[in-house]
Amino acid sequence: MVSTQGGKGKVEYPKKEFPQKKVQKKVAQKVVVIGAGIGGLTAAALLARRGYRVLILDQAIVPGGCASTFKRRGFTFDVGATQVAGLEPGGIHKRIFDELEVDLPAATPCDPACAVFLPGESEPINIWRNPEQWKRERQRQFPGSEPFWQLMATLFNASWKFQSRDPVLPPRNVWDLWQLTSAVRPDTLITLPFTFMTVADGLRGYGLYDNKRLKTFLDMQLKLYSQVDVDQTALLYAATALGVSQEPQGLFHLQGSMQVLSDRLVEALEKWGGKLLMRHTVETIETSGGKATGVRIRNQKTGEVWTEPADEVVANVTVQNLVKLLGNNLQTFPGTSMAGYKYRVDKLPSPSGAFVIYLGVDKRAIPDGCPPHLQFLYDYDGAIGENNSLFISVSKPGDGRAPEGQATITASSFTDAAMWWRGSKQDYDRLKEEYTENAIARLSQYFDLTPETIIHQEAATPRTFARFTAREQGIVGGIGQRIPTFGPFGFATRTPCKSLWLVGDSTHPGEGTAGVSYSALTAVRQIETSFCL
C-alpha cells in the first residue's frame, strides 16, 4: 500500500501497476477531487486511469450527486436526473467508458424523448428520435416554422462537430487557446454570426416571435436545459440542447436507475487504484502563494479533522460552493483575478432550485400508452406560484424501479431557491404542502391518482437538495445559459487559483451527465498538460 499522511488523518492508496501504453509520471502526482457527482467521478476515474494518485471525497451517503437514487418501500427513485445523453458511438460517455475499460450500462433510447402538453391541449407534441418523424411532427404542430428549425439544425450540426474536437471553452492560457483554435474548421464559422443572439432573436428573424404556441413550447423545453426562456437563452446553446434528442445522438433511459452510471464510474476508479471516501466533508480548500495545496477534511462519523495535501484539487461543486470553500483564503488574492472571480460569482442572477415529488403508484394510475417522459405547463393562475412546468418521468415495466404491477412517477419543477429559506419552519412546511397539493392536482389531470393508487409519496425542495448534495441553497441545473454565461463567456474549468480546477454544471458545456463529463475530460487534459510543461 502507498500511504499519505496529512495532519491527523491518513489515506491509503492501493499500489497499482499501470499499463505500459500510458506515459508514467516520474513521481506519482496526487489529486484530490471534491464531490462524487458524475463530473467528479469521471475526472477521478480518468485521472486514476492515467496514472495519478486520486482521492475523491463526498459528504453524502452514496455517490452520484443529483444523478443518484434512493429507495422507499420497494421503489427506486432517481433523485434528479432521469435520462442520459452520450451513450451512442462517439458520445462522451461511450468515449470515457472505453478509456476506463468498463462496460456501458444497459439503456434504451427515449422515443419520444418527451411528450409536451401545452396548456388546454390533450394531444402532446412528441419529440421523436427519428429526425424525419420529428420534422413531420413540428411541421404539423407549428406550420410555417420550418425555416427556424432548419437554422437550429444547421447550428446544431456545426456545434456538435466543433464540440467533438474537444475545444477548451473558455480559454484561459495559451494551451487552452490552441485547443480551441485547433477545433475550429470552416464548418464552424457558420456559427460565429449567431454568437451574441438569443432564441428570441432567431424567432424574430423569421417573424415567429409572436407565435404564442411555438414560443410556449420553446420556453418549456429551454427551461429544462438552460433555466431561462427564449428571451434569455443563447441561440447556439439552444441549438445543441434542442437537437441532441435526435439520431444519431439521443436521450437514453438506464436499466435499473441513474445510479448505475455512477456505480460504473466507481468501479473504474477503484480498478485503476483511486480511492473514494463517502461521508467525508471538505470544509476548506487550502492555498499558499496563489496555489491550491490541499483540502481540510472532516470525517462525519468520527468527527476527525485533518488537512490532506494535494498537487492538484478538482472541485465538482457549484461555482458558488467553490467560492465558499476558498473562504478566508480569498483574502490572499487581493487585487488579483481571483478577487474578480468572486465578484462575478456574487453578481450572477439568482440560480434556480427544484421542487420534486416522488410517487410510487399502482400501475392502474398510468394511462395506456404513457410515454416515459412528459412535460406539463401549469394552466391555471397561481399554480405553485411561479408559472412553471412539470417535467415527469415514468418507470417502465421491468426497468428495476418498481415492483411488478407498480410504477414510479417523478415530477420536477424549477423554483426560486431563495424563497425556501425565508421565514419559520411553519412557513416552510406550509409552502411545501402547497407545492405538493398543486403538483398532485396537475398530475391528476393525466394520471389516475387516488388514495387507492398512490402507495408512496414524498417531496424534495431546495432545502432537501442542500442537505443531501451540499449545493449552496440547494441550487440545481448550473448557471442559466444566457449570452454572458454560456460557452466562450462562461466559467472555465481552469480557475484563477493555480492547481484548482472546477468541473460540473457551472462550467462549459452546462448541465446533464454528458455536459459535466465533458467538463471533467477538459480538466483532466489540462492537468496532464500542466504536469508535462
Protein backbone atom coordinates (compact mmCIF):
# COMPACT_ATOMS: atom_id res chain seq x y z
CA MET A 1 0.00 0.00 0.00
CA VAL A 2 1.09 3.57 -0.69
CA SER A 3 0.00 5.96 2.05
CA THR A 4 -0.12 9.70 2.56
CA GLN A 5 -0.21 11.37 5.95
CA GLY A 6 -1.84 14.76 6.39
CA GLY A 7 -2.48 16.17 9.85
CA LYS A 8 -4.44 13.67 11.92
CA GLY A 9 -5.83 11.70 9.01
CA LYS A 10 -4.31 9.04 6.83
CA VAL A 11 -5.43 7.93 3.39
CA GLU A 12 -4.02 4.78 1.81
CA TYR A 13 -3.94 4.09 -1.91
CA PRO A 14 -3.66 0.59 -3.35
CA LYS A 15 -0.36 0.06 -5.13
CA LYS A 16 -1.18 -0.26 -8.80
CA GLU A 17 0.76 -1.21 -11.90
CA PHE A 18 -0.46 0.86 -14.84
CA PRO A 19 -0.46 -0.25 -18.48
CA GLN A 20 2.80 0.47 -20.27
CA LYS A 21 0.96 2.21 -23.10
CA LYS A 22 0.34 5.09 -20.70
CA VAL A 23 3.11 7.62 -20.06
CA GLN A 24 4.34 7.19 -16.49
CA LYS A 25 5.00 10.19 -14.28
CA LYS A 26 8.44 10.33 -12.64
CA VAL A 27 6.65 10.92 -9.35
CA ALA A 28 3.00 9.95 -9.00
CA GLN A 29 1.11 13.21 -8.62
CA LYS A 30 -1.69 13.35 -6.07
CA VAL A 31 -5.08 14.79 -6.95
CA VAL A 32 -7.92 15.39 -4.51
CA VAL A 33 -11.39 15.56 -6.05
CA ILE A 34 -14.16 17.26 -4.10
CA GLY A 35 -17.61 15.82 -4.82
CA ALA A 36 -18.66 12.41 -6.16
CA GLY A 37 -21.23 13.62 -8.66
CA ILE A 38 -20.88 12.40 -12.25
CA GLY A 39 -18.37 15.16 -13.06
CA GLY A 40 -16.18 14.39 -10.06
CA LEU A 41 -16.34 10.62 -10.54
CA THR A 42 -15.47 10.98 -14.22
CA ALA A 43 -12.49 13.24 -13.51
CA ALA A 44 -11.28 10.97 -10.71
CA ALA A 45 -11.57 7.76 -12.73
CA LEU A 46 -9.82 9.26 -15.78
CA LEU A 47 -7.00 10.64 -13.65
CA ALA A 48 -6.55 7.29 -11.92
CA ARG A 49 -6.54 5.57 -15.32
CA ARG A 50 -3.81 7.95 -16.49
CA GLY A 51 -1.52 7.22 -13.59
CA TYR A 52 -2.33 9.74 -10.85
CA ARG A 53 -2.95 9.00 -7.19
CA VAL A 54 -6.55 10.06 -6.70
CA LEU A 55 -8.66 10.62 -3.61
CA ILE A 56 -12.30 11.65 -4.07
CA LEU A 57 -14.40 12.89 -1.14
CA ASP A 58 -18.12 13.43 -0.72
CA GLN A 59 -20.30 14.30 2.24
CA ALA A 60 -23.26 12.18 1.05
CA ILE A 61 -24.10 8.55 1.79
CA VAL A 62 -23.98 7.36 -1.83
CA PRO A 63 -22.13 8.71 -4.88
CA GLY A 64 -23.84 10.29 -7.85
CA GLY A 65 -24.91 13.70 -6.57
CA CYS A 66 -28.02 14.89 -8.39
CA ALA A 67 -27.86 11.72 -10.53
CA SER A 68 -28.09 9.34 -7.58
CA THR A 69 -31.09 7.39 -6.28
CA PHE A 70 -32.89 6.43 -3.09
CA LYS A 71 -35.20 3.54 -2.19
CA ARG A 72 -38.60 3.52 -0.47
CA ARG A 73 -40.95 0.54 0.06
CA GLY A 74 -39.54 -1.36 -2.91
CA PHE A 75 -39.42 1.66 -5.22
CA THR A 76 -36.20 3.14 -6.60
CA PHE A 77 -36.37 6.87 -7.29
CA ASP A 78 -33.91 8.89 -9.36
CA VAL A 79 -33.09 11.93 -7.24
CA GLY A 80 -32.90 14.48 -10.04
CA ALA A 81 -31.57 13.46 -13.44
CA THR A 82 -33.73 10.78 -15.06
CA GLN A 83 -32.26 10.46 -18.56
CA VAL A 84 -28.80 10.50 -20.04
CA ALA A 85 -27.18 11.54 -23.32
CA GLY A 86 -23.83 10.50 -24.76
CA LEU A 87 -24.14 6.68 -24.76
CA GLU A 88 -24.12 6.40 -28.55
CA PRO A 89 -20.91 5.56 -30.51
CA GLY A 90 -18.72 8.66 -30.30
CA GLY A 91 -20.78 10.01 -27.41
CA ILE A 92 -18.94 11.38 -24.39
CA HIS A 93 -19.91 8.56 -22.00
CA LYS A 94 -19.00 5.93 -24.60
CA ARG A 95 -15.60 7.55 -25.17
CA ILE A 96 -14.87 7.78 -21.45
CA PHE A 97 -16.05 4.28 -20.60
CA ASP A 98 -13.95 2.87 -23.44
CA GLU A 99 -10.85 4.53 -21.99
CA LEU A 100 -11.72 3.32 -18.50
CA GLU A 101 -12.24 -0.21 -19.88
CA VAL A 102 -15.62 -0.71 -18.24
CA ASP A 103 -18.90 -1.57 -19.92
CA LEU A 104 -21.59 1.00 -20.56
CA PRO A 105 -24.74 0.40 -18.51
CA ALA A 106 -27.71 -1.12 -20.31
CA ALA A 107 -30.07 1.53 -21.66
CA THR A 108 -32.90 2.04 -24.12
CA PRO A 109 -33.42 5.14 -26.31
CA CYS A 110 -36.15 7.55 -25.23
CA ASP A 111 -38.59 7.73 -28.14
CA PRO A 112 -40.22 10.14 -27.92
CA ALA A 113 -37.66 11.98 -25.84
CA CYS A 114 -40.55 13.91 -24.32
CA ALA A 115 -44.29 14.38 -24.85
CA VAL A 116 -45.04 18.07 -24.26
CA PHE A 117 -48.58 19.10 -23.34
CA LEU A 118 -49.36 22.77 -23.92
CA PRO A 119 -52.00 24.45 -21.73
CA GLY A 120 -55.54 23.40 -22.57
CA GLU A 121 -54.43 20.72 -25.06
CA SER A 122 -54.90 16.98 -24.69
CA GLU A 123 -52.71 15.95 -27.63
CA PRO A 124 -48.98 16.16 -26.89
CA ILE A 125 -46.16 17.42 -29.07
CA ASN A 126 -43.95 14.35 -29.38
CA ILE A 127 -40.22 14.99 -29.73
CA TRP A 128 -39.31 11.94 -31.79
CA ARG A 129 -35.81 10.47 -32.03
CA ASN A 130 -36.07 9.91 -35.78
CA PRO A 131 -35.20 13.23 -37.45
CA GLU A 132 -37.74 12.87 -40.25
CA GLN A 133 -40.50 11.88 -37.86
CA TRP A 134 -39.69 14.90 -35.65
CA LYS A 135 -39.66 17.13 -38.74
CA ARG A 136 -43.16 15.98 -39.71
CA GLU A 137 -44.36 16.46 -36.12
CA ARG A 138 -43.11 20.02 -35.79
CA GLN A 139 -44.39 20.99 -39.23
CA ARG A 140 -47.83 19.71 -38.24
CA GLN A 141 -47.73 21.37 -34.82
CA PHE A 142 -46.14 24.68 -35.88
CA PRO A 143 -47.00 25.45 -39.52
CA GLY A 144 -44.64 27.96 -41.14
CA SER A 145 -41.85 27.46 -38.58
CA GLU A 146 -39.63 25.10 -40.59
CA PRO A 147 -37.04 27.76 -41.64
CA PHE A 148 -36.36 28.39 -37.92
CA TRP A 149 -35.94 24.67 -37.24
CA GLN A 150 -33.64 24.30 -40.24
CA LEU A 151 -31.45 27.07 -38.82
CA MET A 152 -31.35 25.28 -35.48
CA ALA A 153 -30.39 22.00 -37.20
CA THR A 154 -27.59 23.73 -39.12
CA LEU A 155 -26.22 25.31 -35.96
CA PHE A 156 -26.53 22.04 -34.07
CA ASN A 157 -24.56 20.09 -36.67
CA ALA A 158 -21.77 22.68 -36.77
CA SER A 159 -21.64 23.00 -32.97
CA TRP A 160 -21.67 19.23 -32.44
CA LYS A 161 -18.75 18.71 -34.82
CA PHE A 162 -16.88 21.52 -33.08
CA GLN A 163 -17.52 20.04 -29.62
CA SER A 164 -16.41 16.58 -30.79
CA ARG A 165 -12.94 18.04 -31.40
CA ASP A 166 -12.61 18.76 -27.66
CA PRO A 167 -12.20 22.55 -27.64
CA VAL A 168 -11.43 24.27 -24.34
CA LEU A 169 -14.05 26.89 -23.56
CA PRO A 170 -13.49 29.47 -22.32
CA PRO A 171 -9.69 29.52 -22.87
CA ARG A 172 -7.56 30.81 -20.01
CA ASN A 173 -3.99 30.33 -21.26
CA VAL A 174 -2.04 29.67 -24.46
CA TRP A 175 -2.60 25.91 -24.36
CA ASP A 176 -6.35 26.37 -23.90
CA LEU A 177 -6.42 28.82 -26.80
CA TRP A 178 -4.53 26.38 -29.01
CA GLN A 179 -7.04 23.62 -28.24
CA LEU A 180 -9.87 26.00 -29.09
CA THR A 181 -8.40 27.23 -32.37
CA SER A 182 -7.44 23.66 -33.36
CA ALA A 183 -11.11 22.68 -33.07
CA VAL A 184 -12.23 25.44 -35.44
CA ARG A 185 -12.88 24.35 -39.02
CA PRO A 186 -14.58 26.06 -41.96
CA ASP A 187 -17.82 24.34 -40.88
CA THR A 188 -17.54 26.10 -37.51
CA LEU A 189 -17.54 29.59 -38.99
CA ILE A 190 -21.25 29.45 -39.78
CA THR A 191 -21.96 29.73 -36.04
CA LEU A 192 -19.99 32.94 -35.49
CA PRO A 193 -22.69 35.45 -36.61
CA PHE A 194 -25.07 33.86 -34.07
CA THR A 195 -22.74 34.02 -31.05
CA PHE A 196 -24.45 37.02 -29.49
CA MET A 197 -28.01 36.08 -30.44
CA THR A 198 -30.77 34.70 -28.24
CA VAL A 199 -33.50 32.31 -29.30
CA ALA A 200 -35.85 35.29 -29.34
CA ASP A 201 -33.60 36.95 -31.92
CA GLY A 202 -33.80 33.84 -34.08
CA LEU A 203 -37.59 33.77 -33.84
CA ARG A 204 -37.83 37.44 -34.75
CA GLY A 205 -35.65 36.86 -37.79
CA TYR A 206 -38.31 34.52 -39.17
CA GLY A 207 -41.31 36.52 -37.98
CA LEU A 208 -42.19 33.88 -35.39
CA TYR A 209 -41.73 35.70 -32.10
CA ASP A 210 -45.48 36.39 -31.80
CA ASN A 211 -46.35 32.74 -32.41
CA LYS A 212 -47.54 32.13 -28.86
CA ARG A 213 -47.87 28.38 -29.21
CA LEU A 214 -44.37 27.89 -30.58
CA LYS A 215 -42.90 30.28 -28.06
CA THR A 216 -44.63 28.49 -25.18
CA PHE A 217 -43.25 25.15 -26.36
CA LEU A 218 -39.73 26.54 -26.64
CA ASP A 219 -39.98 28.26 -23.25
CA MET A 220 -40.97 24.97 -21.63
CA GLN A 221 -38.17 22.98 -23.24
CA LEU A 222 -35.45 25.56 -22.74
CA LYS A 223 -36.32 25.96 -19.07
CA LEU A 224 -35.33 22.30 -18.63
CA TYR A 225 -31.92 22.73 -20.22
CA SER A 226 -30.91 26.36 -19.77
CA GLN A 227 -33.03 27.54 -16.80
CA VAL A 228 -34.14 30.58 -18.81
CA ASP A 229 -36.64 31.27 -21.60
CA VAL A 230 -36.36 32.20 -25.28
CA ASP A 231 -35.68 35.85 -24.46
CA GLN A 232 -32.54 34.97 -22.49
CA THR A 233 -31.21 31.62 -23.76
CA ALA A 234 -28.19 31.84 -26.06
CA LEU A 235 -29.18 30.65 -29.54
CA LEU A 236 -26.11 28.43 -30.01
CA TYR A 237 -26.70 26.70 -26.69
CA ALA A 238 -30.38 26.18 -27.53
CA ALA A 239 -29.49 24.60 -30.88
CA THR A 240 -27.49 21.92 -29.08
CA ALA A 241 -29.98 21.41 -26.26
CA LEU A 242 -32.93 21.04 -28.62
CA GLY A 243 -31.09 18.92 -31.20
CA VAL A 244 -29.47 16.27 -29.02
CA SER A 245 -32.71 14.23 -28.79
CA GLN A 246 -32.48 13.06 -32.42
CA GLU A 247 -30.44 10.28 -34.03
CA PRO A 248 -27.57 9.57 -34.26
CA GLN A 249 -27.49 11.11 -30.79
CA GLY A 250 -30.43 10.72 -28.44
CA LEU A 251 -31.55 10.53 -24.84
CA PHE A 252 -31.48 7.21 -23.01
CA HIS A 253 -33.32 5.51 -20.14
CA LEU A 254 -30.93 3.48 -17.97
CA GLN A 255 -31.88 -0.01 -16.90
CA GLY A 256 -32.09 -0.17 -13.10
CA SER A 257 -31.71 3.51 -12.27
CA MET A 258 -29.46 6.50 -12.84
CA GLN A 259 -27.30 5.11 -10.03
CA VAL A 260 -25.77 2.53 -12.39
CA LEU A 261 -23.87 5.32 -14.16
CA SER A 262 -22.04 6.40 -11.01
CA ASP A 263 -21.63 2.77 -9.93
CA ARG A 264 -19.71 2.03 -13.15
CA LEU A 265 -17.51 5.07 -12.62
CA VAL A 266 -16.76 3.99 -9.04
CA GLU A 267 -15.89 0.55 -10.40
CA ALA A 268 -13.46 2.15 -12.85
CA LEU A 269 -11.96 4.42 -10.19
CA GLU A 270 -11.19 1.51 -7.92
CA LYS A 271 -10.00 -0.65 -10.81
CA TRP A 272 -7.29 1.91 -11.58
CA GLY A 273 -6.24 2.45 -7.97
CA GLY A 274 -8.25 5.52 -6.95
CA LYS A 275 -9.96 5.86 -3.57
CA LEU A 276 -13.44 7.14 -2.71
CA LEU A 277 -14.46 8.27 0.77
CA MET A 278 -18.14 8.98 1.38
CA ARG A 279 -19.41 10.81 4.47
CA HIS A 280 -16.30 12.99 4.40
CA THR A 281 -16.90 16.73 4.16
CA VAL A 282 -14.35 19.07 2.61
CA GLU A 283 -14.56 22.20 4.75
CA THR A 284 -11.86 24.34 3.14
CA ILE A 285 -9.60 24.42 0.12
CA GLU A 286 -6.12 25.27 1.39
CA THR A 287 -3.94 27.65 -0.62
CA SER A 288 -0.43 29.07 -0.48
CA GLY A 289 1.21 31.58 -2.80
CA GLY A 290 -1.80 31.67 -5.10
CA LYS A 291 -1.88 27.87 -5.47
CA ALA A 292 -4.21 25.18 -4.13
CA THR A 293 -2.20 22.93 -1.82
CA GLY A 294 -4.79 20.62 -0.32
CA VAL A 295 -8.12 20.39 1.49
CA ARG A 296 -9.34 20.36 5.07
CA ILE A 297 -11.50 17.27 5.66
CA ARG A 298 -13.94 16.25 8.38
CA ASN A 299 -14.96 12.64 8.86
CA GLN A 300 -18.70 12.82 9.58
CA LYS A 301 -18.73 9.56 11.54
CA THR A 302 -15.79 10.17 13.88
CA GLY A 303 -15.53 13.95 13.80
CA GLU A 304 -11.83 13.67 12.97
CA VAL A 305 -10.47 16.68 11.06
CA TRP A 306 -7.27 16.83 9.06
CA THR A 307 -5.62 18.57 6.12
CA GLU A 308 -4.88 16.41 3.10
CA PRO A 309 -2.12 17.79 0.84
CA ALA A 310 -2.51 17.62 -2.94
CA ASP A 311 -0.66 18.61 -6.07
CA GLU A 312 -3.98 19.42 -7.75
CA VAL A 313 -7.52 19.94 -6.44
CA VAL A 314 -10.56 19.28 -8.64
CA ALA A 315 -13.84 20.70 -7.33
CA ASN A 316 -17.03 19.09 -8.62
CA VAL A 317 -19.21 21.72 -6.96
CA THR A 318 -21.21 24.76 -7.97
CA VAL A 319 -19.22 27.91 -8.60
CA GLN A 320 -20.95 29.40 -5.54
CA ASN A 321 -19.71 26.49 -3.41
CA LEU A 322 -16.21 26.92 -4.81
CA VAL A 323 -16.00 30.50 -3.58
CA LYS A 324 -17.36 29.40 -0.20
CA LEU A 325 -14.76 26.60 0.09
CA LEU A 326 -11.97 29.09 -0.51
CA GLY A 327 -13.41 31.17 2.33
CA ASN A 328 -10.88 33.33 4.14
CA ASN A 329 -8.20 32.14 1.75
CA LEU A 330 -9.70 34.52 -0.81
CA GLN A 331 -8.06 37.29 1.22
CA THR A 332 -4.71 36.02 -0.03
CA PHE A 333 -5.71 37.08 -3.57
CA PRO A 334 -6.25 40.86 -3.14
CA GLY A 335 -6.32 42.79 -6.42
CA THR A 336 -5.95 39.58 -8.44
CA SER A 337 -8.19 37.80 -10.92
CA MET A 338 -9.45 35.63 -8.05
CA ALA A 339 -10.99 38.70 -6.44
CA GLY A 340 -12.69 39.46 -9.76
CA TYR A 341 -13.82 35.84 -9.92
CA LYS A 342 -15.62 36.15 -6.60
CA TYR A 343 -17.16 39.45 -7.67
CA ARG A 344 -18.50 37.81 -10.82
CA VAL A 345 -19.98 34.92 -8.86
CA ASP A 346 -21.63 37.30 -6.42
CA LYS A 347 -23.24 39.20 -9.32
CA LEU A 348 -24.74 36.15 -11.02
CA PRO A 349 -28.54 36.17 -11.43
CA SER A 350 -30.33 34.18 -8.75
CA PRO A 351 -30.00 30.47 -9.64
CA SER A 352 -32.88 28.02 -9.53
CA GLY A 353 -33.66 25.21 -7.19
CA ALA A 354 -36.02 22.31 -7.76
CA PHE A 355 -39.24 21.06 -6.24
CA VAL A 356 -39.62 17.33 -6.89
CA ILE A 357 -42.43 14.98 -6.00
CA TYR A 358 -41.79 11.24 -5.93
CA LEU A 359 -44.73 8.86 -6.26
CA GLY A 360 -44.83 5.09 -6.02
CA VAL A 361 -48.12 4.01 -7.60
CA ASP A 362 -50.18 1.05 -8.66
CA LYS A 363 -49.95 0.51 -12.41
CA ARG A 364 -53.66 1.42 -12.68
CA ALA A 365 -52.58 5.04 -12.21
CA ILE A 366 -50.64 5.02 -15.50
CA PRO A 367 -52.66 5.62 -18.70
CA ASP A 368 -52.23 3.19 -21.58
CA GLY A 369 -49.52 4.30 -23.97
CA CYS A 370 -47.95 6.67 -21.43
CA PRO A 371 -44.56 7.91 -22.70
CA PRO A 372 -41.57 7.65 -20.34
CA HIS A 373 -41.13 11.45 -20.18
CA LEU A 374 -43.79 14.17 -20.22
CA GLN A 375 -43.96 17.89 -19.65
CA PHE A 376 -46.96 19.93 -18.49
CA LEU A 377 -47.31 23.68 -18.11
CA TYR A 378 -49.47 24.84 -15.24
CA ASP A 379 -52.58 26.14 -16.93
CA TYR A 380 -54.28 27.96 -14.09
CA ASP A 381 -53.27 31.09 -12.23
CA GLY A 382 -51.13 30.76 -9.14
CA ALA A 383 -50.26 27.08 -9.59
CA ILE A 384 -47.14 26.60 -7.49
CA GLY A 385 -46.89 30.39 -7.72
CA GLU A 386 -44.21 30.50 -10.42
CA ASN A 387 -45.89 29.90 -13.81
CA ASN A 388 -43.63 26.91 -14.27
CA SER A 389 -43.80 23.49 -15.87
CA LEU A 390 -43.56 19.96 -14.54
CA PHE A 391 -41.12 17.53 -16.14
CA ILE A 392 -42.31 13.99 -15.45
CA SER A 393 -40.53 10.65 -15.73
CA VAL A 394 -42.43 7.37 -15.51
CA SER A 395 -40.80 3.99 -14.96
CA LYS A 396 -41.24 1.13 -17.42
CA PRO A 397 -42.24 -2.43 -16.52
CA GLY A 398 -39.10 -4.43 -15.76
CA ASP A 399 -36.71 -1.46 -15.61
CA GLY A 400 -35.86 -2.11 -11.96
CA ARG A 401 -37.51 0.97 -10.48
CA ALA A 402 -40.73 -0.56 -9.14
CA PRO A 403 -42.13 -3.93 -8.03
CA GLU A 404 -44.23 -5.87 -10.53
CA GLY A 405 -47.61 -4.26 -11.10
CA GLN A 406 -46.39 -0.91 -9.82
CA ALA A 407 -44.55 2.14 -11.17
CA THR A 408 -42.73 5.30 -10.15
CA ILE A 409 -43.64 8.84 -11.16
CA THR A 410 -41.08 11.58 -10.60
CA ALA A 411 -42.17 15.15 -11.34
CA SER A 412 -39.88 18.15 -11.01
CA SER A 413 -40.26 21.88 -11.38
CA PHE A 414 -37.70 24.68 -11.17
CA THR A 415 -38.30 27.10 -8.33
CA ASP A 416 -36.75 30.15 -6.73
CA ALA A 417 -34.30 28.57 -4.31
CA ALA A 418 -34.04 31.61 -2.02
CA MET A 419 -37.70 31.68 -1.02
CA TRP A 420 -37.44 28.23 0.56
CA TRP A 421 -35.02 29.60 3.15
CA ARG A 422 -37.16 32.51 4.31
CA GLY A 423 -39.39 32.57 7.35
CA SER A 424 -40.03 29.97 10.02
CA LYS A 425 -40.26 26.19 9.86
CA GLN A 426 -44.03 26.59 9.81
CA ASP A 427 -43.75 28.84 6.76
CA TYR A 428 -41.57 26.24 5.06
CA ASP A 429 -43.95 23.40 5.87
CA ARG A 430 -46.92 25.36 4.51
CA LEU A 431 -45.06 26.18 1.30
CA LYS A 432 -44.05 22.57 0.80
CA GLU A 433 -47.62 21.40 1.40
CA GLU A 434 -48.96 23.96 -1.10
CA TYR A 435 -46.50 22.88 -3.76
CA THR A 436 -47.27 19.21 -3.16
CA GLU A 437 -51.03 19.70 -3.39
CA ASN A 438 -50.76 21.75 -6.58
CA ALA A 439 -48.40 19.24 -8.17
CA ILE A 440 -50.72 16.32 -7.34
CA ALA A 441 -53.68 18.28 -8.70
CA ARG A 442 -51.90 18.91 -12.01
CA LEU A 443 -50.63 15.34 -12.30
CA SER A 444 -54.13 14.03 -11.59
CA GLN A 445 -55.32 15.63 -14.81
CA TYR A 446 -53.33 12.96 -16.65
CA PHE A 447 -52.69 10.16 -14.14
CA ASP A 448 -55.30 8.34 -12.04
CA LEU A 449 -54.01 9.46 -8.66
CA THR A 450 -56.22 8.46 -5.75
CA PRO A 451 -55.59 7.22 -2.20
CA GLU A 452 -56.05 3.73 -3.63
CA THR A 453 -53.42 4.08 -6.39
CA ILE A 454 -50.78 6.13 -4.53
CA ILE A 455 -48.64 3.73 -2.50
CA HIS A 456 -45.83 6.09 -1.54
CA GLN A 457 -45.47 9.86 -1.73
CA GLU A 458 -42.75 12.31 -0.70
CA ALA A 459 -41.33 15.59 -1.92
CA ALA A 460 -37.96 17.33 -2.10
CA THR A 461 -37.28 21.06 -2.03
CA PRO A 462 -34.11 23.16 -2.35
CA ARG A 463 -33.57 22.53 1.36
CA THR A 464 -33.62 18.80 0.69
CA PHE A 465 -31.06 19.14 -2.10
CA ALA A 466 -28.87 21.34 0.11
CA ARG A 467 -28.92 18.69 2.81
CA PHE A 468 -28.12 15.70 0.62
CA THR A 469 -25.92 17.26 -2.10
CA ALA A 470 -24.39 20.19 -0.13
CA ARG A 471 -25.17 22.53 -3.03
CA GLU A 472 -25.37 26.13 -1.85
CA GLN A 473 -29.06 26.86 -1.07
CA GLY A 474 -29.93 23.62 -2.90
CA ILE A 475 -29.48 25.14 -6.37
CA VAL A 476 -29.54 22.74 -9.34
CA GLY A 477 -29.04 22.83 -13.08
CA GLY A 478 -25.97 25.01 -13.18
CA ILE A 479 -25.84 28.58 -14.43
CA GLY A 480 -28.53 29.93 -16.74
CA GLN A 481 -27.26 29.74 -20.31
CA ARG A 482 -27.54 33.42 -21.11
CA ILE A 483 -25.19 35.19 -23.52
CA PRO A 484 -22.79 36.37 -20.74
CA THR A 485 -22.56 32.91 -19.13
CA PHE A 486 -22.63 30.30 -21.90
CA GLY A 487 -19.73 28.69 -23.76
CA PRO A 488 -16.99 31.21 -24.57
CA PHE A 489 -18.23 33.63 -21.89
CA GLY A 490 -18.88 31.20 -19.04
CA PHE A 491 -16.82 29.90 -16.13
CA ALA A 492 -13.75 27.90 -17.10
CA THR A 493 -12.53 24.61 -15.67
CA ARG A 494 -9.21 26.40 -15.09
CA THR A 495 -9.73 28.78 -12.15
CA PRO A 496 -7.56 31.84 -11.32
CA CYS A 497 -6.09 29.84 -8.40
CA LYS A 498 -3.26 27.69 -9.72
CA SER A 499 -3.81 23.92 -9.43
CA LEU A 500 -7.52 24.41 -8.64
CA TRP A 501 -9.99 23.14 -11.22
CA LEU A 502 -13.77 23.41 -11.45
CA VAL A 503 -15.91 20.71 -13.09
CA GLY A 504 -19.66 20.22 -13.20
CA ASP A 505 -22.70 22.13 -14.37
CA SER A 506 -21.25 25.59 -13.65
CA THR A 507 -18.75 25.12 -16.50
CA HIS A 508 -18.96 24.55 -20.25
CA PRO A 509 -20.99 22.91 -21.71
CA GLY A 510 -23.53 23.02 -18.86
CA GLU A 511 -25.92 20.66 -17.10
CA GLY A 512 -26.64 16.98 -17.66
CA THR A 513 -24.44 13.93 -17.24
CA ALA A 514 -22.95 14.41 -20.71
CA GLY A 515 -22.19 18.08 -20.05
CA VAL A 516 -20.45 17.53 -16.72
CA SER A 517 -18.48 14.64 -18.21
CA TYR A 518 -17.17 16.93 -20.97
CA SER A 519 -16.02 19.40 -18.33
CA ALA A 520 -14.30 16.59 -16.42
CA LEU A 521 -12.45 15.42 -19.53
CA THR A 522 -11.36 19.01 -20.23
CA ALA A 523 -9.93 19.41 -16.72
CA VAL A 524 -8.11 16.07 -16.94
CA ARG A 525 -6.46 17.09 -20.22
CA GLN A 526 -5.43 20.43 -18.71
CA ILE A 527 -3.96 18.76 -15.61
CA GLU A 528 -1.95 16.34 -17.74
CA THR A 529 -0.59 19.20 -19.81
CA SER A 530 0.33 21.26 -16.74
CA PHE A 531 2.44 18.37 -15.44
CA CYS A 532 4.17 17.97 -18.79
CA LEU A 533 5.12 21.64 -19.17
